[in-house]
Amino acid sequence: MSDTELEKYRKMHSDIKRLYKECEKEMESLKVQNKTKTISFREAMGKKGFYAKILSMYSKYGIEDIE
């Protein structure tokens, strides 16, 4: 793997972790507002699940421990 490819991977990996945390924050904010039945909440939940699956794949291959 070239240095450029490794940097691209690291950026993607960092972005996935950031996006997962953003979904968590958005869901918490919507929960506080009692908006758990809204489309926004359900979209955030779906995205969080998607990012969680990617992070679990990293863990499966020994690349990442789920935080």
PDB file of N, CA and C in Angstrom:
ATOM      1  N   MET A   1       0.862  -1.177   0.000  1.00  0.00           N
ATOM      2  CA  MET A   1       0.000   0.000   0.000  1.00  0.00           C
ATOM      3  C   MET A   1       0.903   1.232   0.000  1.00  0.00           C
ATOM      4  N   SER A   2       0.649   2.118  -0.901  1.00  0.00           N
ATOM      5  CA  SER A   2       1.457   3.336  -0.979  1.00  0.00           C
ATOM      6  C   SER A   2       1.070   4.305   0.140  1.00  0.00           C
ATOM      7  N   ASP A   3       1.944   5.279   0.367  1.00  0.00           N
ATOM      8  CA  ASP A   3       1.668   6.286   1.393  1.00  0.00           C
ATOM      9  C   ASP A   3       0.381   7.044   1.101  1.00  0.00           C
ATOM     10  N   THR A   4       0.122   7.328  -0.170  1.00  0.00           N
ATOM     11  CA  THR A   4      -1.093   8.047  -0.558  1.00  0.00           C
ATOM     12  C   THR A   4      -2.333   7.215  -0.235  1.00  0.00           C
ATOM     13  N   GLU A   5      -2.279   5.928  -0.549  1.00  0.00           N
ATOM     14  CA  GLU A   5      -3.413   5.049  -0.253  1.00  0.00           C
ATOM     15  C   GLU A   5      -3.631   4.944   1.257  1.00  0.00           C
ATOM     16  N   LEU A   6      -2.549   4.853   2.001  1.00  0.00           N
ATOM     17  CA  LEU A   6      -2.653   4.769   3.447  1.00  0.00           C
ATOM     18  C   LEU A   6      -3.264   6.039   4.026  1.00  0.00           C
ATOM     19  N   GLU A   7      -2.876   7.179   3.526  1.00  0.00           N
ATOM     20  CA  GLU A   7      -3.448   8.445   3.988  1.00  0.00           C
ATOM     21  C   GLU A   7      -4.937   8.528   3.664  1.00  0.00           C
ATOM     22  N   LYS A   8      -5.318   8.068   2.481  1.00  0.00           N
ATOM     23  CA  LYS A   8      -6.736   8.069   2.095  1.00  0.00           C
ATOM     24  C   LYS A   8      -7.533   7.152   3.024  1.00  0.00           C
ATOM     25  N   TYR A   9      -6.959   5.979   3.322  1.00  0.00           N
ATOM     26  CA  TYR A   9      -7.625   5.059   4.236  1.00  0.00           C
ATOM     27  C   TYR A   9      -7.789   5.706   5.607  1.00  0.00           C
ATOM     28  N   ARG A  10      -6.725   6.309   6.118  1.00  0.00           N
ATOM     29  CA  ARG A  10      -6.785   6.931   7.440  1.00  0.00           C
ATOM     30  C   ARG A  10      -7.820   8.043   7.490  1.00  0.00           C
ATOM     31  N   LYS A  11      -7.922   8.811   6.419  1.00  0.00           N
ATOM     32  CA  LYS A  11      -8.924   9.880   6.365  1.00  0.00           C
ATOM     33  C   LYS A  11     -10.328   9.282   6.374  1.00  0.00           C
ATOM     34  N   MET A  12     -10.542   8.248   5.562  1.00  0.00           N
ATOM     35  CA  MET A  12     -11.852   7.597   5.523  1.00  0.00           C
ATOM     36  C   MET A  12     -12.194   7.028   6.897  1.00  0.00           C
ATOM     37  N   HIS A  13     -11.250   6.375   7.519  1.00  0.00           N
ATOM     38  CA  HIS A  13     -11.454   5.776   8.824  1.00  0.00           C
ATOM     39  C   HIS A  13     -11.829   6.838   9.860  1.00  0.00           C
ATOM     40  N   SER A  14     -11.121   7.932   9.844  1.00  0.00           N
ATOM     41  CA  SER A  14     -11.402   9.045  10.749  1.00  0.00           C
ATOM     42  C   SER A  14     -12.791   9.633  10.484  1.00  0.00           C
ATOM     43  N   ASP A  15     -13.142   9.774   9.220  1.00  0.00           N
ATOM     44  CA  ASP A  15     -14.456  10.318   8.861  1.00  0.00           C
ATOM     45  C   ASP A  15     -15.587   9.402   9.310  1.00  0.00           C
ATOM     46  N   ILE A  16     -15.421   8.103   9.170  1.00  0.00           N
ATOM     47  CA  ILE A  16     -16.452   7.147   9.605  1.00  0.00           C
ATOM     48  C   ILE A  16     -16.679   7.283  11.106  1.00  0.00           C
ATOM     49  N   LYS A  17     -15.597   7.354  11.877  1.00  0.00           N
ATOM     50  CA  LYS A  17     -15.730   7.511  13.326  1.00  0.00           C
ATOM     51  C   LYS A  17     -16.407   8.832  13.673  1.00  0.00           C
ATOM     52  N   ARG A  18     -16.043   9.908  12.967  1.00  0.00           N
ATOM     53  CA  ARG A  18     -16.644  11.221  13.213  1.00  0.00           C
ATOM     54  C   ARG A  18     -18.133  11.204  12.885  1.00  0.00           C
ATOM     55  N   LEU A  19     -18.497  10.626  11.748  1.00  0.00           N
ATOM     56  CA  LEU A  19     -19.895  10.576  11.332  1.00  0.00           C
ATOM     57  C   LEU A  19     -20.742   9.744  12.310  1.00  0.00           C
ATOM     58  N   TYR A  20     -20.170   8.664  12.810  1.00  0.00           N
ATOM     59  CA  TYR A  20     -20.871   7.840  13.805  1.00  0.00           C
ATOM     60  C   TYR A  20     -21.179   8.673  15.055  1.00  0.00           C
ATOM     61  N   LYS A  21     -20.186   9.395  15.531  1.00  0.00           N
ATOM     62  CA  LYS A  21     -20.373  10.223  16.727  1.00  0.00           C
ATOM     63  C   LYS A  21     -21.369  11.350  16.480  1.00  0.00           C
ATOM     64  N   GLU A  22     -21.360  11.917  15.271  1.00  0.00           N
ATOM     65  CA  GLU A  22     -22.328  12.967  14.934  1.00  0.00           C
ATOM     66  C   GLU A  22     -23.751  12.424  14.979  1.00  0.00           C
ATOM     67  N   CYS A  23     -23.942  11.205  14.484  1.00  0.00           N
ATOM     68  CA  CYS A  23     -25.270  10.579  14.528  1.00  0.00           C
ATOM     69  C   CYS A  23     -25.714  10.372  15.969  1.00  0.00           C
ATOM     70  N   GLU A  24     -24.800   9.929  16.823  1.00  0.00           N
ATOM     71  CA  GLU A  24     -25.135   9.760  18.237  1.00  0.00           C
ATOM     72  C   GLU A  24     -25.593  11.077  18.853  1.00  0.00           C
ATOM     73  N   LYS A  25     -24.852  12.144  18.566  1.00  0.00           N
ATOM     74  CA  LYS A  25     -25.193  13.460  19.119  1.00  0.00           C
ATOM     75  C   LYS A  25     -26.543  13.938  18.600  1.00  0.00           C
ATOM     76  N   GLU A  26     -26.781  13.741  17.303  1.00  0.00           N
ATOM     77  CA  GLU A  26     -28.062  14.165  16.722  1.00  0.00           C
ATOM     78  C   GLU A  26     -29.223  13.397  17.357  1.00  0.00           C
ATOM     79  N   MET A  27     -29.040  12.098  17.552  1.00  0.00           N
ATOM     80  CA  MET A  27     -30.094  11.299  18.168  1.00  0.00           C
ATOM     81  C   MET A  27     -30.355  11.734  19.603  1.00  0.00           C
ATOM     82  N   GLU A  28     -29.302  12.021  20.347  1.00  0.00           N
ATOM     83  CA  GLU A  28     -29.476  12.492  21.727  1.00  0.00           C
ATOM     84  C   GLU A  28     -30.226  13.811  21.763  1.00  0.00           C
ATOM     85  N   SER A  29     -29.874  14.702  20.853  1.00  0.00           N
ATOM     86  CA  SER A  29     -30.547  15.999  20.782  1.00  0.00           C
ATOM     87  C   SER A  29     -32.034  15.826  20.480  1.00  0.00           C
ATOM     88  N   LEU A  30     -32.347  14.954  19.545  1.00  0.00           N
ATOM     89  CA  LEU A  30     -33.744  14.713  19.197  1.00  0.00           C
ATOM     90  C   LEU A  30     -34.498  14.022  20.334  1.00  0.00           C
ATOM     91  N   LYS A  31     -33.809  13.141  21.068  1.00  0.00           N
ATOM     92  CA  LYS A  31     -34.442  12.493  22.228  1.00  0.00           C
ATOM     93  C   LYS A  31     -34.835  13.523  23.271  1.00  0.00           C
ATOM     94  N   VAL A  32     -33.929  14.469  23.538  1.00  0.00           N
ATOM     95  CA  VAL A  32     -34.199  15.514  24.528  1.00  0.00           C
ATOM     96  C   VAL A  32     -35.424  16.333  24.118  1.00  0.00           C
ATOM     97  N   GLN A  33     -35.589  16.528  22.812  1.00  0.00           N
ATOM     98  CA  GLN A  33     -36.718  17.292  22.295  1.00  0.00           C
ATOM     99  C   GLN A  33     -37.975  16.425  22.133  1.00  0.00           C
ATOM    100  N   ASN A  34     -37.887  15.155  22.549  1.00  0.00           N
ATOM    101  CA  ASN A  34     -38.987  14.201  22.425  1.00  0.00           C
ATOM    102  C   ASN A  34     -39.422  14.026  20.967  1.00  0.00           C
ATOM    103  N   LYS A  35     -38.440  13.937  20.081  1.00  0.00           N
ATOM    104  CA  LYS A  35     -38.714  13.773  18.655  1.00  0.00           C
ATOM    105  C   LYS A  35     -38.183  12.435  18.137  1.00  0.00           C
ATOM    106  N   THR A  36     -38.468  11.382  18.907  1.00  0.00           N
ATOM    107  CA  THR A  36     -37.950  10.069  18.530  1.00  0.00           C
ATOM    108  C   THR A  36     -38.768   9.389  17.434  1.00  0.00           C
ATOM    109  N   LYS A  37     -39.886   9.953  17.082  1.00  0.00           N
ATOM    110  CA  LYS A  37     -40.717   9.359  16.031  1.00  0.00           C
ATOM    111  C   LYS A  37     -40.631  10.131  14.723  1.00  0.00           C
ATOM    112  N   THR A  38     -39.674  11.044  14.628  1.00  0.00           N
ATOM    113  CA  THR A  38     -39.540  11.866  13.427  1.00  0.00           C
ATOM    114  C   THR A  38     -38.671  11.171  12.381  1.00  0.00           C
ATOM    115  N   ILE A  39     -38.801  11.632  11.166  1.00  0.00           N
ATOM    116  CA  ILE A  39     -37.982  11.107  10.083  1.00  0.00           C
ATOM    117  C   ILE A  39     -36.503  11.395  10.351  1.00  0.00           C
ATOM    118  N   SER A  40     -36.208  12.570  10.879  1.00  0.00           N
ATOM    119  CA  SER A  40     -34.816  12.933  11.179  1.00  0.00           C
ATOM    120  C   SER A  40     -34.186  11.947  12.155  1.00  0.00           C
ATOM    121  N   PHE A  41     -34.934  11.572  13.178  1.00  0.00           N
ATOM    122  CA  PHE A  41     -34.416  10.620  14.160  1.00  0.00           C
ATOM    123  C   PHE A  41     -34.182   9.263  13.507  1.00  0.00           C
ATOM    124  N   ARG A  42     -35.131   8.824  12.713  1.00  0.00           N
ATOM    125  CA  ARG A  42     -35.004   7.513  12.069  1.00  0.00           C
ATOM    126  C   ARG A  42     -33.873   7.485  11.050  1.00  0.00           C
ATOM    127  N   GLU A  43     -33.682   8.595  10.342  1.00  0.00           N
ATOM    128  CA  GLU A  43     -32.554   8.675   9.407  1.00  0.00           C
ATOM    129  C   GLU A  43     -31.228   8.610  10.165  1.00  0.00           C
ATOM    130  N   ALA A  44     -31.135   9.341  11.260  1.00  0.00           N
ATOM    131  CA  ALA A  44     -29.914   9.331  12.075  1.00  0.00           C
ATOM    132  C   ALA A  44     -29.654   7.934  12.622  1.00  0.00           C
ATOM    133  N   MET A  45     -30.714   7.248  13.046  1.00  0.00           N
ATOM    134  CA  MET A  45     -30.575   5.899  13.565  1.00  0.00           C
ATOM    135  C   MET A  45     -30.076   4.945  12.472  1.00  0.00           C
ATOM    136  N   GLY A  46     -30.601   5.100  11.271  1.00  0.00           N
ATOM    137  CA  GLY A  46     -30.157   4.268  10.153  1.00  0.00           C
ATOM    138  C   GLY A  46     -28.704   4.518   9.798  1.00  0.00           C
ATOM    139  N   LYS A  47     -28.320   5.782   9.753  1.00  0.00           N
ATOM    140  CA  LYS A  47     -26.923   6.127   9.452  1.00  0.00           C
ATOM    141  C   LYS A  47     -25.995   5.592  10.539  1.00  0.00           C
ATOM    142  N   LYS A  48     -26.414   5.739  11.797  1.00  0.00           N
ATOM    143  CA  LYS A  48     -25.598   5.254  12.911  1.00  0.00           C
ATOM    144  C   LYS A  48     -25.383   3.746  12.773  1.00  0.00           C
ATOM    145  N   GLY A  49     -26.429   3.020  12.428  1.00  0.00           N
ATOM    146  CA  GLY A  49     -26.321   1.575  12.232  1.00  0.00           C
ATOM    147  C   GLY A  49     -25.368   1.221  11.106  1.00  0.00           C
ATOM    148  N   PHE A  50     -25.436   1.984  10.020  1.00  0.00           N
ATOM    149  CA  PHE A  50     -24.543   1.770   8.880  1.00  0.00           C
ATOM    150  C   PHE A  50     -23.090   1.976   9.283  1.00  0.00           C
ATOM    151  N   TYR A  51     -22.817   3.094   9.968  1.00  0.00           N
ATOM    152  CA  TYR A  51     -21.448   3.381  10.393  1.00  0.00           C
ATOM    153  C   TYR A  51     -20.978   2.372  11.444  1.00  0.00           C
ATOM    154  N   ALA A  52     -21.876   1.931  12.307  1.00  0.00           N
ATOM    155  CA  ALA A  52     -21.526   0.922  13.310  1.00  0.00           C
ATOM    156  C   ALA A  52     -21.103  -0.376  12.635  1.00  0.00           C
ATOM    157  N   LYS A  53     -21.784  -0.735  11.563  1.00  0.00           N
ATOM    158  CA  LYS A  53     -21.431  -1.960  10.829  1.00  0.00           C
ATOM    159  C   LYS A  53     -20.030  -1.839  10.233  1.00  0.00           C
ATOM    160  N   ILE A  54     -19.724  -0.702   9.662  1.00  0.00           N
ATOM    161  CA  ILE A  54     -18.385  -0.498   9.098  1.00  0.00           C
ATOM    162  C   ILE A  54     -17.342  -0.587  10.204  1.00  0.00           C
ATOM    163  N   LEU A  55     -17.603   0.069  11.343  1.00  0.00           N
ATOM    164  CA  LEU A  55     -16.653   0.017  12.454  1.00  0.00           C
ATOM    165  C   LEU A  55     -16.505  -1.406  12.994  1.00  0.00           C
ATOM    166  N   SER A  56     -17.592  -2.177  12.989  1.00  0.00           N
ATOM    167  CA  SER A  56     -17.496  -3.561  13.450  1.00  0.00           C
ATOM    168  C   SER A  56     -16.666  -4.401  12.481  1.00  0.00           C
ATOM    169  N   MET A  57     -16.722  -4.076  11.194  1.00  0.00           N
ATOM    170  CA  MET A  57     -15.874  -4.769  10.220  1.00  0.00           C
ATOM    171  C   MET A  57     -14.405  -4.455  10.477  1.00  0.00           C
ATOM    172  N   TYR A  58     -14.102  -3.204  10.818  1.00  0.00           N
ATOM    173  CA  TYR A  58     -12.729  -2.854  11.176  1.00  0.00           C
ATOM    174  C   TYR A  58     -12.278  -3.712  12.356  1.00  0.00           C
ATOM    175  N   SER A  59     -13.157  -3.840  13.349  1.00  0.00           N
ATOM    176  CA  SER A  59     -12.838  -4.618  14.539  1.00  0.00           C
ATOM    177  C   SER A  59     -12.627  -6.097  14.188  1.00  0.00           C
ATOM    178  N   LYS A  60     -13.485  -6.611  13.319  1.00  0.00           N
ATOM    179  CA  LYS A  60     -13.398  -8.012  12.913  1.00  0.00           C
ATOM    180  C   LYS A  60     -12.038  -8.322  12.300  1.00  0.00           C
ATOM    181  N   TYR A  61     -11.493  -7.403  11.560  1.00  0.00           N
ATOM    182  CA  TYR A  61     -10.210  -7.607  10.894  1.00  0.00           C
ATOM    183  C   TYR A  61      -9.035  -7.077  11.720  1.00  0.00           C
ATOM    184  N   GLY A  62      -9.314  -6.701  12.974  1.00  0.00           N
ATOM    185  CA  GLY A  62      -8.248  -6.280  13.873  1.00  0.00           C
ATOM    186  C   GLY A  62      -7.685  -4.903  13.584  1.00  0.00           C
ATOM    187  N   ILE A  63      -8.455  -4.092  12.873  1.00  0.00           N
ATOM    188  CA  ILE A  63      -7.989  -2.744  12.505  1.00  0.00           C
ATOM    189  C   ILE A  63      -8.409  -1.731  13.553  1.00  0.00           C
ATOM    190  N   GLU A  64      -9.545  -1.952  14.184  1.00  0.00           N
ATOM    191  CA  GLU A  64     -10.120  -0.940  15.064  1.00  0.00           C
ATOM    192  C   GLU A  64     -10.839  -1.608  16.220  1.00  0.00           C
ATOM    193  N   ASP A  65     -10.642  -1.074  17.406  1.00  0.00           N
ATOM    194  CA  ASP A  65     -11.466  -1.466  18.541  1.00  0.00           C
ATOM    195  C   ASP A  65     -12.640  -0.511  18.584  1.00  0.00           C
ATOM    196  N   ILE A  66     -13.847  -1.023  18.763  1.00  0.00           N
ATOM    197  CA  ILE A  66     -15.021  -0.167  18.837  1.00  0.00           C
ATOM    198  C   ILE A  66     -14.975   0.585  20.153  1.00  0.00           C
ATOM    199  N   GLU A  67     -15.110   1.896  20.064  1.00  0.00           N
ATOM    200  CA  GLU A  67     -15.028   2.752  21.249  1.00  0.00           C
ATOM    201  C   GLU A  67     -16.366   2.860  21.915  1.00  0.00           C
TER     202      GLU A  67
END
